[in-house]
Amino acid sequence: MLEGQRPFLLAGIFPAKRPARLATISGMGLALGMLGACSTPPPPPAPPLPGYGPPGQIMLTVSDVLTLQTMDQRERLLIAIASLAATHSNSSVMQDLGKNVAKGYQALQDKTTALARSADLKLSTDLSAGGAALLKRAQGLYGLSYDRFLIRQLRQPIPASLQAALKKEISANEPLKGVATQMMQLQMTYATTAQAIQGALGEGCRH
């Protein structure tokens, strides 16, 4: 070959090799794409932590449940006894008092029931044996006898065990702090009102 022809021969070799390099690069890209398509899918989300329940459901301790149940029983009893004033009392003052007491405790019971429902807790619609006996006694009283009975019930303090539970709930955070506070306030309000009208009903109302 002539010396002057070498550049032309070399120039003819390099163009022949370029498509092979491009094919190799394209093949690598295709392989990587296939690997990406066959890669392992991401793991599923972790399950919720135990004890938290569905969204919107509150969590109650055993103590909370017992307090809520006891509150509900007291509310039902006082609503039932106070509601009798409309037909068992001859005093307009006592009839108004009974109406207000029933309304106040009904509003509280609505909140108590809503709390229980949000915690998936079903409250009994029946009074306890003691509560049922007390209501039956009230149902047999009329006039001044009923008035004195209602006064005594309103002036009686909250039972010690429930009072301690309410104070514990009030000192803590949610979920029962609001209803526990409201029950204590209702007790004080109606006890004060009952005491204020006790003198007009005679000495028999004395607690």
Protein backbone atom coordinates (compact mmCIF):
# COMPACT_ATOMS: atom_id res chain seq x y z
CA MET A 1 0.00 0.00 0.00
CA LEU A 2 1.06 3.51 -0.56
CA GLU A 3 1.86 5.63 2.44
CA GLY A 4 -0.63 8.18 1.41
CA GLN A 5 -3.51 5.68 1.36
CA ARG A 6 -3.40 4.70 5.07
CA PRO A 7 -5.61 7.53 6.31
CA PHE A 8 -8.33 6.41 3.92
CA LEU A 9 -8.12 2.79 5.11
CA LEU A 10 -8.28 3.82 8.77
CA ALA A 11 -11.13 6.11 8.05
CA GLY A 12 -12.98 3.19 6.56
CA ILE A 13 -12.43 0.97 9.61
CA PHE A 14 -13.75 3.32 12.32
CA PRO A 15 -17.18 3.95 10.79
CA ALA A 16 -17.66 0.15 10.60
CA LYS A 17 -17.11 -0.21 14.36
CA ARG A 18 -19.39 2.62 15.57
CA PRO A 19 -22.73 0.82 14.98
CA ALA A 20 -21.47 -2.11 17.12
CA ARG A 21 -20.85 0.24 20.05
CA LEU A 22 -24.26 1.83 19.62
CA ALA A 23 -25.87 -1.61 19.51
CA THR A 24 -24.08 -2.56 22.71
CA ILE A 25 -25.27 0.58 24.50
CA SER A 26 -28.83 0.04 23.26
CA GLY A 27 -28.73 -3.55 24.43
CA MET A 28 -27.62 -2.46 27.91
CA GLY A 29 -30.42 0.07 28.07
CA LEU A 30 -32.97 -2.55 27.10
CA ALA A 31 -31.63 -4.96 29.72
CA LEU A 32 -31.78 -2.31 32.42
CA GLY A 33 -35.35 -1.49 31.41
CA MET A 34 -36.31 -5.14 31.70
CA LEU A 35 -34.67 -5.39 35.10
CA GLY A 36 -36.61 -2.32 36.23
CA ALA A 37 -39.88 -3.82 35.04
CA CYS A 38 -39.20 -7.07 36.92
CA SER A 39 -37.99 -5.46 40.14
CA THR A 40 -39.64 -6.40 43.46
CA PRO A 41 -42.64 -4.12 44.29
CA PRO A 42 -42.40 -1.96 47.43
CA PRO A 43 -43.53 -3.66 50.67
CA PRO A 44 -47.10 -3.01 51.88
CA PRO A 45 -47.63 -0.32 54.55
CA ALA A 46 -47.10 -1.40 58.13
CA PRO A 47 -50.26 -2.40 60.02
CA PRO A 48 -51.59 0.03 62.67
CA LEU A 49 -50.17 -0.23 66.13
CA PRO A 50 -52.19 -2.53 68.41
CA GLY A 51 -54.67 -0.92 70.78
CA TYR A 52 -55.51 2.15 68.72
CA GLY A 53 -58.63 0.86 66.98
CA PRO A 54 -60.37 2.34 63.95
CA PRO A 55 -60.07 6.07 63.20
CA GLY A 56 -62.36 8.13 65.42
CA GLN A 57 -62.71 5.44 68.08
CA ILE A 58 -61.60 6.47 71.56
CA MET A 59 -59.82 4.07 73.84
CA LEU A 60 -61.09 3.51 77.40
CA THR A 61 -59.36 1.86 80.31
CA VAL A 62 -61.22 -0.60 82.55
CA SER A 63 -61.55 2.21 85.10
CA ASP A 64 -63.02 4.54 82.45
CA VAL A 65 -65.59 1.93 81.46
CA LEU A 66 -66.72 1.36 85.05
CA THR A 67 -67.00 5.11 85.65
CA LEU A 68 -68.99 5.62 82.46
CA GLN A 69 -71.38 2.79 83.33
CA THR A 70 -71.91 4.09 86.87
CA MET A 71 -72.51 7.62 85.61
CA ASP A 72 -75.05 6.35 83.10
CA GLN A 73 -76.96 4.48 85.82
CA ARG A 74 -77.09 7.56 88.05
CA GLU A 75 -78.21 9.76 85.18
CA ARG A 76 -81.00 7.36 84.18
CA LEU A 77 -82.27 7.12 87.76
CA LEU A 78 -82.35 10.86 88.40
CA ILE A 79 -84.00 11.53 85.04
CA ALA A 80 -86.70 8.97 85.81
CA ILE A 81 -87.35 10.23 89.35
CA ALA A 82 -87.32 13.91 88.38
CA SER A 83 -89.63 13.31 85.41
CA LEU A 84 -92.32 12.08 87.81
CA ALA A 85 -92.71 15.62 89.17
CA ALA A 86 -95.01 16.53 86.29
CA THR A 87 -97.68 14.07 87.52
CA HIS A 88 -96.69 13.27 91.13
CA SER A 89 -96.23 16.77 92.56
CA ASN A 90 -98.86 19.39 93.30
CA SER A 91 -96.30 22.18 93.54
CA SER A 92 -95.45 24.23 90.46
CA VAL A 93 -92.07 24.98 92.03
CA MET A 94 -91.29 21.27 92.34
CA GLN A 95 -92.65 20.55 88.89
CA ASP A 96 -90.31 23.15 87.43
CA LEU A 97 -87.44 21.75 89.48
CA GLY A 98 -88.15 18.22 88.28
CA LYS A 99 -88.29 19.41 84.68
CA ASN A 100 -84.96 21.23 84.97
CA VAL A 101 -83.27 18.28 86.69
CA ALA A 102 -84.48 15.85 84.04
CA LYS A 103 -83.35 18.21 81.26
CA GLY A 104 -79.92 18.75 82.81
CA TYR A 105 -79.20 15.09 83.36
CA GLN A 106 -80.58 14.19 79.94
CA ALA A 107 -78.09 16.52 78.31
CA LEU A 108 -75.33 14.88 80.32
CA GLN A 109 -76.53 11.40 79.45
CA ASP A 110 -76.50 12.28 75.75
CA LYS A 111 -72.79 13.06 76.08
CA THR A 112 -72.17 9.93 78.14
CA THR A 113 -73.91 7.79 75.53
CA ALA A 114 -71.97 9.45 72.70
CA LEU A 115 -68.68 8.71 74.47
CA ALA A 116 -69.66 5.09 74.98
CA ARG A 117 -70.68 4.75 71.34
CA SER A 118 -67.40 6.22 70.09
CA ALA A 119 -65.57 3.65 72.24
CA ASP A 120 -67.77 0.84 70.89
CA LEU A 121 -69.22 0.34 74.38
CA LYS A 122 -72.87 -0.60 74.79
CA LEU A 123 -74.50 0.74 77.94
CA SER A 124 -77.39 -1.04 79.62
CA THR A 125 -80.78 0.56 79.16
CA ASP A 126 -82.06 -1.03 82.38
CA LEU A 127 -81.55 0.28 85.89
CA SER A 128 -79.66 -1.77 88.43
CA ALA A 129 -81.70 -3.66 91.02
CA GLY A 130 -81.12 -0.90 93.58
CA GLY A 131 -82.01 1.84 91.13
CA ALA A 132 -85.14 0.05 89.98
CA ALA A 133 -86.29 -0.37 93.61
CA LEU A 134 -85.73 3.34 94.30
CA LEU A 135 -87.68 4.35 91.21
CA LYS A 136 -90.54 2.03 92.13
CA ARG A 137 -90.72 3.68 95.54
CA ALA A 138 -90.85 7.13 93.94
CA GLN A 139 -93.62 6.01 91.61
CA GLY A 140 -95.83 5.25 94.63
CA LEU A 141 -95.46 8.73 96.15
CA TYR A 142 -97.62 11.78 95.42
CA GLY A 143 -97.95 15.36 96.58
CA LEU A 144 -95.76 16.42 99.47
CA SER A 145 -94.44 12.88 99.97
CA TYR A 146 -93.02 12.87 96.47
CA ASP A 147 -91.65 16.40 96.86
CA ARG A 148 -89.77 15.40 99.99
CA PHE A 149 -88.45 12.28 98.32
CA LEU A 150 -87.12 14.23 95.32
CA ILE A 151 -85.52 16.80 97.62
CA ARG A 152 -83.73 14.03 99.52
CA GLN A 153 -82.43 12.47 96.32
CA LEU A 154 -81.08 15.77 95.05
CA ARG A 155 -79.43 16.65 98.33
CA GLN A 156 -77.70 13.33 98.69
CA PRO A 157 -74.02 13.55 97.74
CA ILE A 158 -72.63 11.47 94.93
CA PRO A 159 -71.61 8.04 96.32
CA ALA A 160 -68.02 8.05 97.57
CA SER A 161 -66.76 5.48 95.07
CA LEU A 162 -68.21 7.37 92.10
CA GLN A 163 -67.04 10.70 93.46
CA ALA A 164 -63.48 9.40 93.72
CA ALA A 165 -63.68 8.08 90.16
CA LEU A 166 -65.02 11.42 88.88
CA LYS A 167 -62.24 13.36 90.58
CA LYS A 168 -59.69 11.01 89.03
CA GLU A 169 -61.18 11.60 85.58
CA ILE A 170 -61.25 15.37 86.12
CA SER A 171 -57.56 15.42 87.08
CA ALA A 172 -56.67 13.45 83.95
CA ASN A 173 -57.01 14.40 80.32
CA GLU A 174 -59.69 13.19 77.95
CA PRO A 175 -61.87 11.34 77.28
CA LEU A 176 -64.08 11.52 80.42
CA LYS A 177 -62.90 14.80 81.90
CA GLY A 178 -65.75 16.86 80.43
CA VAL A 179 -68.64 14.61 81.48
CA ALA A 180 -67.14 13.99 84.92
CA THR A 181 -66.87 17.73 85.51
CA GLN A 182 -70.44 18.29 84.34
CA MET A 183 -71.82 15.63 86.69
CA MET A 184 -70.10 17.22 89.68
CA GLN A 185 -71.45 20.64 88.68
CA LEU A 186 -75.01 19.35 88.25
CA GLN A 187 -74.88 17.70 91.65
CA MET A 188 -73.84 20.94 93.36
CA THR A 189 -76.35 23.06 91.43
CA TYR A 190 -79.40 20.91 92.15
CA ALA A 191 -78.40 20.21 95.74
CA THR A 192 -78.18 23.96 96.38
CA THR A 193 -81.54 24.55 94.70
CA ALA A 194 -83.18 21.75 96.68
CA GLN A 195 -81.82 23.10 99.93
CA ALA A 196 -83.11 26.59 99.10
CA ILE A 197 -86.72 25.37 98.78
CA GLN A 198 -86.58 22.75 101.52
CA GLY A 199 -87.88 25.06 104.22
CA ALA A 200 -91.07 25.74 102.27
CA LEU A 201 -91.84 22.02 102.19
CA GLY A 202 -91.60 21.40 105.95
CA GLU A 203 -89.25 19.68 108.37
CA GLY A 204 -89.95 16.27 106.82
CA CYS A 205 -87.60 17.12 103.94
CA ARG A 206 -84.61 17.43 106.19
CA HIS A 207 -81.83 15.14 104.92
